[in-house]
Amino acid sequence: MNLNWKFAASVQKNLNIKKARTIVQAFLVTTVLLTTV
């Protein structure tokens, strides 16, 4: 039970990191596009 919970927590953390990274990348791309145009 405890191991399961820890595993789920780490998976959730990884998903959040990936999501945050994608948002940051999208933000950077938009900024670059806006500044070049």
N, C-alpha and C. Protein backbone atom coordinates (compact mmCIF):
# COMPACT_ATOMS: atom_id res chain seq x y z
N MET A 1 0.84 -1.20 0.00
CA MET A 1 0.00 0.00 0.00
C MET A 1 0.87 1.25 0.00
N ASN A 2 1.84 1.29 0.93
CA ASN A 2 2.72 2.45 1.03
C ASN A 2 3.56 2.60 -0.22
N LEU A 3 4.09 1.47 -0.73
CA LEU A 3 4.89 1.51 -1.96
C LEU A 3 4.05 1.99 -3.13
N ASN A 4 2.82 1.49 -3.21
CA ASN A 4 1.90 1.91 -4.26
C ASN A 4 1.69 3.41 -4.24
N TRP A 5 1.47 3.94 -3.05
CA TRP A 5 1.23 5.37 -2.89
C TRP A 5 2.45 6.17 -3.32
N LYS A 6 3.64 5.71 -2.92
CA LYS A 6 4.88 6.40 -3.30
C LYS A 6 5.06 6.37 -4.81
N PHE A 7 4.77 5.23 -5.42
CA PHE A 7 4.90 5.09 -6.87
C PHE A 7 3.95 6.06 -7.58
N ALA A 8 2.70 6.11 -7.12
CA ALA A 8 1.72 7.01 -7.72
C ALA A 8 2.15 8.46 -7.57
N ALA A 9 2.71 8.79 -6.41
CA ALA A 9 3.16 10.16 -6.16
C ALA A 9 4.30 10.53 -7.10
N SER A 10 5.24 9.61 -7.30
CA SER A 10 6.38 9.92 -8.18
C SER A 10 5.92 10.04 -9.63
N VAL A 11 4.97 9.20 -10.04
CA VAL A 11 4.43 9.29 -11.40
C VAL A 11 3.74 10.64 -11.60
N GLN A 12 2.96 11.04 -10.60
CA GLN A 12 2.26 12.32 -10.67
C GLN A 12 3.25 13.47 -10.76
N LYS A 13 4.35 13.37 -9.99
CA LYS A 13 5.38 14.41 -10.01
C LYS A 13 6.01 14.49 -11.39
N ASN A 14 6.33 13.33 -11.98
CA ASN A 14 6.92 13.30 -13.31
C ASN A 14 5.98 13.92 -14.34
N LEU A 15 4.69 13.63 -14.24
CA LEU A 15 3.70 14.19 -15.17
C LEU A 15 3.65 15.70 -15.02
N ASN A 16 3.68 16.18 -13.77
CA ASN A 16 3.64 17.62 -13.53
C ASN A 16 4.87 18.30 -14.10
N ILE A 17 6.05 17.68 -13.95
CA ILE A 17 7.29 18.24 -14.48
C ILE A 17 7.21 18.31 -16.00
N LYS A 18 6.73 17.23 -16.62
CA LYS A 18 6.60 17.21 -18.08
C LYS A 18 5.64 18.29 -18.55
N LYS A 19 4.51 18.43 -17.83
CA LYS A 19 3.51 19.42 -18.20
C LYS A 19 4.10 20.83 -18.08
N ALA A 20 4.80 21.08 -16.98
CA ALA A 20 5.41 22.39 -16.76
C ALA A 20 6.43 22.68 -17.85
N ARG A 21 7.22 21.67 -18.22
CA ARG A 21 8.24 21.84 -19.25
C ARG A 21 7.59 22.19 -20.59
N THR A 22 6.50 21.52 -20.92
CA THR A 22 5.80 21.79 -22.18
C THR A 22 5.26 23.21 -22.19
N ILE A 23 4.69 23.64 -21.06
CA ILE A 23 4.15 25.00 -20.97
C ILE A 23 5.26 26.02 -21.15
N VAL A 24 6.40 25.79 -20.50
CA VAL A 24 7.53 26.71 -20.61
C VAL A 24 8.02 26.77 -22.05
N GLN A 25 8.14 25.62 -22.70
CA GLN A 25 8.59 25.58 -24.10
C GLN A 25 7.62 26.33 -25.00
N ALA A 26 6.33 26.09 -24.83
CA ALA A 26 5.33 26.78 -25.63
C ALA A 26 5.42 28.29 -25.41
N PHE A 27 5.60 28.70 -24.16
CA PHE A 27 5.73 30.12 -23.83
C PHE A 27 6.94 30.73 -24.51
N LEU A 28 8.08 30.02 -24.47
CA LEU A 28 9.30 30.52 -25.11
C LEU A 28 9.12 30.65 -26.61
N VAL A 29 8.52 29.65 -27.23
CA VAL A 29 8.29 29.68 -28.68
C VAL A 29 7.41 30.87 -29.04
N THR A 30 6.34 31.08 -28.28
CA THR A 30 5.44 32.20 -28.57
C THR A 30 6.18 33.52 -28.43
N THR A 31 6.99 33.66 -27.38
CA THR A 31 7.74 34.89 -27.17
C THR A 31 8.68 35.15 -28.33
N VAL A 32 9.41 34.13 -28.75
CA VAL A 32 10.35 34.28 -29.87
C VAL A 32 9.60 34.69 -31.13
N LEU A 33 8.48 34.02 -31.40
CA LEU A 33 7.70 34.34 -32.59
C LEU A 33 7.20 35.78 -32.53
N LEU A 34 6.72 36.21 -31.37
CA LEU A 34 6.19 37.57 -31.24
C LEU A 34 7.29 38.61 -31.39
N THR A 35 8.48 38.34 -30.89
CA THR A 35 9.55 39.33 -30.96
C THR A 35 10.14 39.41 -32.36
N THR A 36 10.12 38.30 -33.11
CA THR A 36 10.68 38.34 -34.46
C THR A 36 9.71 38.99 -35.43
N VAL A 37 8.40 38.85 -35.19
CA VAL A 37 7.38 39.43 -36.08
C VAL A 37 7.15 40.89 -35.75
